[in-house]
């Protein structure tokens, strides 16, 4: 009788353990089934001890921000003995300066910073480009401004960042309006400082890009005088130092594969991408959502038309006396092809 009770006691314990184990497995299974940008890349991440580092720059917005948050790149590179050192910069110009100083290996920038970097001798190569989005950059005036056409900009005070996509857009817009830079009062300010000057009425027109463009449109009564449609192809380029691309072409390709995947994710999950952007920049939720919905994040192999547009921009800045020497953009294109 005593033996029977002992057997019953152990049977109960074993059954209890089985039930607990089953519940735990169900809970864990339900957790891992909720795939998001955070969960897809965090597991199975340490097959080997990384011995090499790829230093990647990112801005508070854009594809590389999403790639950093996803963790997917670390998962891909860890078995190859590589870890990732992420470095945040406020602008593409700073990223290329860091490349020139040997502080980072890869990063991204808009259309103009690479042109000036190439003219300054920074040893980098173009790896990939994202689709052009003409709505991502524009010229704003106050809603009650008498400036109605591009020709009306004559004699007006306009702020843009010197040697930037904003200044190039301004040049092209003035040409379309039958004007030149000499016909306006140009004030060189970064987008945020230019915005303050515009809000305070110190300048009559502001030229800039998203997210600053959308943020300003939502914060005060303004009117879009023009965007880049028909004037320029505003895009984002992925870059690498010449030495890193030559020595670690396989790593460069993996970075771009993951950037492309996370870019597609961001376009298909704009709400979640917007939340990440909001957390990184402090933008309002509505602004962040508009920004993510207006962008094309997919990293594509360098396209001929993108390089041709870069050459036109370079020629324009050289003609204006802003670029120290003439360059050939094709010389800075990576010769290997992305899959």
Protein backbone atom coordinates (compact mmCIF):
# COMPACT_ATOMS: atom_id res chain seq x y z
CA UNK A 1 0.00 0.00 0.00
CA UNK A 2 2.83 2.35 0.89
CA UNK A 3 4.65 1.44 -2.35
CA UNK A 4 1.52 2.19 -4.36
CA UNK A 5 1.23 5.65 -2.79
CA UNK A 6 4.90 6.36 -3.59
CA UNK A 7 4.35 5.34 -7.20
CA UNK A 8 1.24 7.54 -7.36
CA UNK A 9 3.23 10.42 -5.85
CA UNK A 10 6.01 10.19 -8.45
CA UNK A 11 3.51 9.74 -11.26
CA UNK A 12 1.84 12.97 -10.19
CA UNK A 13 5.19 14.83 -10.13
CA UNK A 14 6.16 13.53 -13.58
CA UNK A 15 2.76 14.52 -14.99
CA UNK A 16 3.07 17.96 -13.44
CA UNK A 17 6.53 18.47 -14.92
CA UNK A 18 5.24 17.39 -18.33
CA UNK A 19 2.39 19.92 -18.18
CA UNK A 20 4.73 22.72 -17.07
CA UNK A 21 7.16 21.87 -19.86
CA UNK A 22 4.37 21.83 -22.41
CA UNK A 23 3.12 25.23 -21.28
CA UNK A 24 6.61 26.71 -21.45
CA UNK A 25 7.13 25.37 -24.95
CA UNK A 26 3.82 26.87 -26.07
CA UNK A 27 4.66 30.25 -24.55
CA UNK A 28 8.11 30.32 -26.11
CA UNK A 29 6.71 29.18 -29.41
CA UNK A 30 4.14 31.96 -29.45
CA UNK A 31 6.82 34.51 -28.66
CA UNK A 32 9.14 33.42 -31.43
CA UNK A 33 6.29 33.32 -33.93
CA UNK A 34 5.74 37.07 -33.56
CA UNK A 35 8.20 38.13 -36.22
CA UNK A 36 9.13 41.80 -36.33
CA UNK A 37 12.16 43.86 -37.18
CA UNK A 38 13.46 43.21 -33.66
CA UNK A 39 12.88 39.45 -33.47
CA UNK A 40 13.92 38.24 -36.90
CA UNK A 41 17.61 38.73 -36.34
CA UNK A 42 18.32 38.32 -32.64
CA UNK A 43 18.43 34.56 -32.28
CA UNK A 44 21.24 32.19 -33.26
CA UNK A 45 23.74 34.99 -33.30
CA UNK A 46 27.02 33.61 -31.96
CA UNK A 47 28.41 30.63 -33.89
CA UNK A 48 31.92 32.09 -33.68
CA UNK A 49 33.84 34.82 -31.90
CA UNK A 50 34.19 37.90 -34.15
CA UNK A 51 37.79 38.96 -34.70
CA UNK A 52 37.30 41.67 -37.35
CA UNK A 53 35.15 44.80 -37.38
CA UNK A 54 33.25 46.62 -40.11
CA UNK A 55 32.62 50.23 -39.10
CA UNK A 56 29.35 51.51 -40.55
CA UNK A 57 27.96 55.03 -40.39
CA UNK A 58 24.27 55.81 -40.14
CA UNK A 59 22.18 58.94 -39.79
CA UNK A 60 19.19 59.39 -37.43
CA UNK A 61 16.99 58.37 -40.37
CA UNK A 62 17.30 56.16 -43.43
CA UNK A 63 18.04 52.57 -44.39
CA UNK A 64 21.13 52.14 -42.25
CA UNK A 65 19.18 53.12 -39.13
CA UNK A 66 16.74 50.29 -39.78
CA UNK A 67 19.58 47.89 -40.53
CA UNK A 68 21.21 48.75 -37.21
CA UNK A 69 18.00 48.18 -35.26
CA UNK A 70 17.22 44.89 -37.03
CA UNK A 71 20.43 43.14 -35.97
CA UNK A 72 20.27 41.07 -39.15
CA UNK A 73 23.70 42.15 -40.33
CA UNK A 74 25.36 40.95 -37.14
CA UNK A 75 23.70 37.58 -37.62
CA UNK A 76 25.06 37.28 -41.16
CA UNK A 77 28.58 38.43 -40.36
CA UNK A 78 29.23 36.66 -37.06
CA UNK A 79 29.96 33.25 -38.67
CA UNK A 80 32.54 35.02 -40.84
CA UNK A 81 34.36 36.43 -37.83
CA UNK A 82 33.09 40.00 -38.26
CA UNK A 83 31.31 42.28 -35.80
CA UNK A 84 29.66 45.62 -36.60
CA UNK A 85 30.60 48.96 -35.08
CA UNK A 86 27.76 51.45 -35.70
CA UNK A 87 28.54 55.18 -35.72
CA UNK A 88 25.89 57.91 -35.91
CA UNK A 89 26.44 61.10 -37.90
CA UNK A 90 24.11 64.04 -38.50
CA UNK A 91 24.78 64.40 -42.24
CA UNK A 92 26.32 62.74 -45.27
CA UNK A 93 29.09 65.34 -45.45
CA UNK A 94 30.30 64.28 -41.99
CA UNK A 95 30.17 60.62 -43.00
CA UNK A 96 32.41 61.20 -45.99
CA UNK A 97 34.78 63.28 -43.89
CA UNK A 98 35.06 60.34 -41.48
CA UNK A 99 35.75 58.04 -44.44
CA UNK A 100 38.56 60.35 -45.51
CA UNK A 101 40.01 60.18 -42.01
CA UNK A 102 39.87 56.38 -41.99
CA UNK A 103 37.33 56.26 -39.16
CA UNK A 104 34.58 54.28 -40.91
CA UNK A 105 34.37 51.70 -43.69
CA UNK A 106 30.84 52.10 -45.06
CA UNK A 107 27.98 54.59 -44.95
CA UNK A 108 25.43 56.45 -47.03
CA UNK A 109 24.88 60.00 -48.24
CA UNK A 110 22.79 62.06 -50.61
CA UNK A 111 23.76 63.25 -54.07
CA UNK A 112 26.11 66.15 -53.35
CA UNK A 113 28.47 65.15 -50.48
CA UNK A 114 30.11 62.34 -52.52
CA UNK A 115 30.86 64.80 -55.34
CA UNK A 116 32.76 67.18 -53.09
CA UNK A 117 34.44 64.28 -51.31
CA UNK A 118 35.71 62.90 -54.62
CA UNK A 119 37.04 66.33 -55.59
CA UNK A 120 38.82 66.49 -52.23
CA UNK A 121 40.50 63.13 -52.76
CA UNK A 122 38.49 61.01 -50.31
CA UNK A 123 39.13 57.38 -51.39
CA UNK A 124 35.61 55.96 -51.61
CA UNK A 125 33.46 54.08 -54.11
CA UNK A 126 29.75 54.14 -54.95
CA UNK A 127 28.26 50.73 -54.10
CA UNK A 128 24.50 51.10 -54.54
CA UNK A 129 21.76 53.69 -54.90
CA UNK A 130 18.17 53.95 -53.75
CA UNK A 131 15.37 55.03 -56.12
CA UNK A 132 15.04 58.77 -56.68
CA UNK A 133 12.25 60.52 -54.79
CA UNK A 134 11.66 64.04 -56.16
CA UNK A 135 9.10 64.79 -53.44
CA UNK A 136 11.74 64.42 -50.72
CA UNK A 137 13.27 67.85 -51.33
CA UNK A 138 11.73 71.23 -52.08
CA UNK A 139 11.53 75.00 -51.74
CA UNK A 140 9.07 76.41 -49.20
CA UNK A 141 7.67 79.90 -48.80
CA UNK A 142 5.16 81.23 -46.30
CA UNK A 143 1.55 80.59 -47.23
CA UNK A 144 0.83 84.32 -47.55
CA UNK A 145 4.08 85.06 -49.41
CA UNK A 146 3.86 87.11 -52.63
CA UNK A 147 6.31 84.61 -54.17
CA UNK A 148 4.13 82.59 -56.54
CA UNK A 149 6.50 81.53 -59.30
CA UNK A 150 10.18 80.70 -59.57
CA UNK A 151 10.75 84.02 -61.33
CA UNK A 152 9.37 85.76 -58.22
CA UNK A 153 12.47 84.61 -56.31
CA UNK A 154 14.46 87.46 -57.88
CA UNK A 155 15.91 89.68 -55.16
CA UNK A 156 14.59 87.45 -52.38
CA UNK A 157 16.53 86.10 -49.40
CA UNK A 158 16.76 82.31 -49.62
CA UNK A 159 18.43 79.86 -47.28
CA UNK A 160 19.92 76.51 -48.24
CA UNK A 161 22.99 74.56 -47.21
CA UNK A 162 25.99 75.37 -49.39
CA UNK A 163 27.33 72.47 -51.48
CA UNK A 164 24.24 70.39 -50.76
CA UNK A 165 21.34 68.91 -52.71
CA UNK A 166 19.36 71.92 -51.50
CA UNK A 167 21.67 74.38 -53.20
CA UNK A 168 21.67 72.32 -56.39
CA UNK A 169 17.86 72.28 -56.42
CA UNK A 170 17.87 76.05 -55.92
CA UNK A 171 20.27 76.52 -58.85
CA UNK A 172 18.11 74.36 -61.12
CA UNK A 173 14.90 76.08 -59.99
CA UNK A 174 16.41 79.51 -60.64
CA UNK A 175 17.50 78.46 -64.13
CA UNK A 176 13.95 77.29 -64.83
CA UNK A 177 12.71 80.68 -63.66
CA UNK A 178 15.20 82.52 -65.88
CA UNK A 179 17.45 83.47 -62.95
CA UNK A 180 20.87 82.67 -61.47
CA UNK A 181 22.30 82.61 -57.94
CA UNK A 182 23.46 86.19 -58.50
CA UNK A 183 19.82 87.25 -58.76
CA UNK A 184 18.97 86.21 -55.18
CA UNK A 185 20.36 86.77 -51.69
CA UNK A 186 21.71 83.35 -50.76
CA UNK A 187 22.15 82.50 -47.07
CA UNK A 188 24.22 79.40 -46.28
CA UNK A 189 22.70 77.60 -43.27
CA UNK A 190 22.21 73.96 -42.23
CA UNK A 191 18.56 72.79 -42.58
CA UNK A 192 17.71 73.18 -38.88
CA UNK A 193 19.24 76.67 -38.56
CA UNK A 194 17.72 77.66 -41.88
CA UNK A 195 14.36 76.55 -40.58
CA UNK A 196 14.72 78.79 -37.53
CA UNK A 197 15.62 81.75 -39.73
CA UNK A 198 12.60 81.00 -41.93
CA UNK A 199 10.25 80.73 -38.95
CA UNK A 200 11.53 84.06 -37.61
CA UNK A 201 11.00 85.77 -40.96
CA UNK A 202 14.72 86.44 -41.51
CA UNK A 203 14.62 84.67 -44.88
CA UNK A 204 11.79 84.50 -47.41
CA UNK A 205 12.32 80.99 -48.76
CA UNK A 206 13.77 77.78 -47.33
CA UNK A 207 15.29 74.90 -49.31
CA UNK A 208 15.69 71.50 -47.69
CA UNK A 209 14.88 67.83 -47.63
CA UNK A 210 12.97 65.28 -45.59
CA UNK A 211 12.45 64.81 -42.73
CA UNK A 212 13.03 68.57 -42.24
CA UNK A 213 10.81 69.41 -45.22
CA UNK A 214 7.80 67.47 -43.97
CA UNK A 215 8.33 68.61 -40.38
CA UNK A 216 8.27 72.26 -41.46
CA UNK A 217 5.17 71.70 -43.60
CA UNK A 218 3.35 70.35 -40.56
CA UNK A 219 4.54 72.96 -38.07
CA UNK A 220 3.55 76.24 -39.77
CA UNK A 221 1.47 77.57 -42.70
CA UNK A 222 3.76 77.20 -45.71
CA UNK A 223 3.44 76.60 -49.42
CA UNK A 224 5.58 74.33 -51.58
CA UNK A 225 6.95 76.47 -54.39
CA UNK A 226 8.51 73.46 -56.11
CA UNK A 227 9.94 70.04 -55.41
CA UNK A 228 12.64 68.27 -57.44
CA UNK A 229 10.27 66.94 -60.10
CA UNK A 230 11.87 67.63 -63.48
CA UNK A 231 14.79 69.44 -61.84
CA UNK A 232 16.94 66.74 -60.22
CA UNK A 233 16.90 63.14 -59.05
CA UNK A 234 17.30 63.26 -55.30
CA UNK A 235 18.53 59.86 -54.17
CA UNK A 236 20.62 58.18 -51.50
CA UNK A 237 23.91 56.42 -52.22
CA UNK A 238 25.57 53.61 -50.28
CA UNK A 239 29.33 54.02 -50.14
CA UNK A 240 32.47 52.24 -48.96
CA UNK A 241 36.09 53.20 -48.65
CA UNK A 242 38.18 52.09 -51.59
CA UNK A 243 40.40 49.88 -49.42
CA UNK A 244 37.54 48.13 -47.61
CA UNK A 245 35.67 47.43 -50.84
CA UNK A 246 38.81 45.98 -52.42
CA UNK A 247 39.83 43.89 -49.41
CA UNK A 248 36.39 42.75 -48.25
CA UNK A 249 34.13 42.70 -51.29
CA UNK A 250 32.24 39.73 -49.87
CA UNK A 251 31.38 41.70 -46.72
CA UNK A 252 30.29 44.71 -48.77
CA UNK A 253 27.89 42.51 -50.73
CA UNK A 254 26.42 41.03 -47.55
CA UNK A 255 25.89 44.51 -46.08
CA UNK A 256 24.06 45.55 -49.23
CA UNK A 257 21.97 42.37 -49.29
CA UNK A 258 20.82 43.05 -45.74
CA UNK A 259 20.29 46.75 -46.47
CA UNK A 260 18.09 45.83 -49.41
CA UNK A 261 16.05 43.40 -47.32
CA UNK A 262 15.52 45.84 -44.47
CA UNK A 263 14.69 48.57 -46.99
CA UNK A 264 11.95 46.42 -48.47
CA UNK A 265 10.75 45.68 -44.93
CA UNK A 266 10.55 49.41 -44.15
CA UNK A 267 8.49 50.10 -47.28
CA UNK A 268 6.09 47.25 -46.45
CA UNK A 269 5.83 48.09 -42.73
CA UNK A 270 5.67 51.89 -42.74
CA UNK A 271 3.97 52.14 -39.34
CA UNK A 272 6.65 50.17 -37.53
CA UNK A 273 9.40 51.91 -39.49
CA UNK A 274 7.86 55.26 -38.57
CA UNK A 275 7.97 54.36 -34.88
CA UNK A 276 11.69 53.60 -35.15
CA UNK A 277 12.24 56.90 -36.95
CA UNK A 278 10.24 58.77 -34.30
CA UNK A 279 12.31 57.21 -31.52
CA UNK A 280 15.55 58.13 -33.28
CA UNK A 281 14.71 61.71 -34.28
CA UNK A 282 12.00 62.90 -31.91
CA UNK A 283 9.69 63.65 -34.83
CA UNK A 284 5.95 63.64 -34.26
CA UNK A 285 4.33 60.32 -35.07
CA UNK A 286 2.39 61.81 -37.99
CA UNK A 287 5.54 63.39 -39.44
CA UNK A 288 7.55 60.20 -39.09
CA UNK A 289 4.82 58.24 -40.86
CA UNK A 290 4.72 60.70 -43.76
CA UNK A 291 8.50 60.48 -44.09
CA UNK A 292 8.58 56.69 -44.20
CA UNK A 293 5.71 56.52 -46.67
CA UNK A 294 7.41 59.03 -48.97
CA UNK A 295 10.74 57.21 -49.19
CA UNK A 296 12.00 54.34 -51.35
CA UNK A 297 14.55 52.49 -49.22
CA UNK A 298 15.50 49.58 -51.47
CA UNK A 299 19.26 49.47 -52.18
CA UNK A 300 19.83 48.79 -55.89
CA UNK A 301 23.00 48.09 -57.89
CA UNK A 302 24.40 51.39 -59.15
CA UNK A 303 22.33 52.56 -62.10
CA UNK A 304 23.80 54.36 -65.10
CA UNK A 305 21.24 57.15 -64.91
CA UNK A 306 22.18 57.81 -61.27
CA UNK A 307 25.84 58.25 -62.21
CA UNK A 308 24.92 60.40 -65.21
CA UNK A 309 22.90 62.65 -62.91
CA UNK A 310 25.83 62.83 -60.49
CA UNK A 311 28.07 63.96 -63.33
CA UNK A 312 25.61 66.72 -64.26
CA UNK A 313 25.55 67.91 -60.66
CA UNK A 314 29.36 67.87 -60.51
CA UNK A 315 29.59 69.90 -63.72
CA UNK A 316 27.13 72.45 -62.36
CA UNK A 317 29.05 73.01 -59.13
CA UNK A 318 32.34 73.17 -61.03
CA UNK A 319 30.90 75.78 -63.40
CA UNK A 320 29.71 77.82 -60.41
CA UNK A 321 33.22 77.76 -58.98
CA UNK A 322 32.12 75.78 -55.90
CA UNK A 323 33.81 72.49 -56.81
CA UNK A 324 37.62 72.86 -56.59
CA UNK A 325 38.29 70.72 -59.66
CA UNK A 326 36.47 68.78 -62.37
CA UNK A 327 35.81 65.14 -61.53
CA UNK A 328 34.57 62.07 -63.36
CA UNK A 329 32.03 60.29 -61.18
CA UNK A 330 32.43 57.05 -63.12
CA UNK A 331 35.96 56.75 -61.70
CA UNK A 332 34.50 56.29 -58.21
CA UNK A 333 32.02 53.52 -59.06
CA UNK A 334 32.75 50.08 -57.58
CA UNK A 335 33.64 47.70 -60.38
CA UNK A 336 32.18 44.60 -58.76
CA UNK A 337 28.50 43.91 -59.29
CA UNK A 338 25.93 43.30 -56.58
CA UNK A 339 23.79 40.20 -57.03
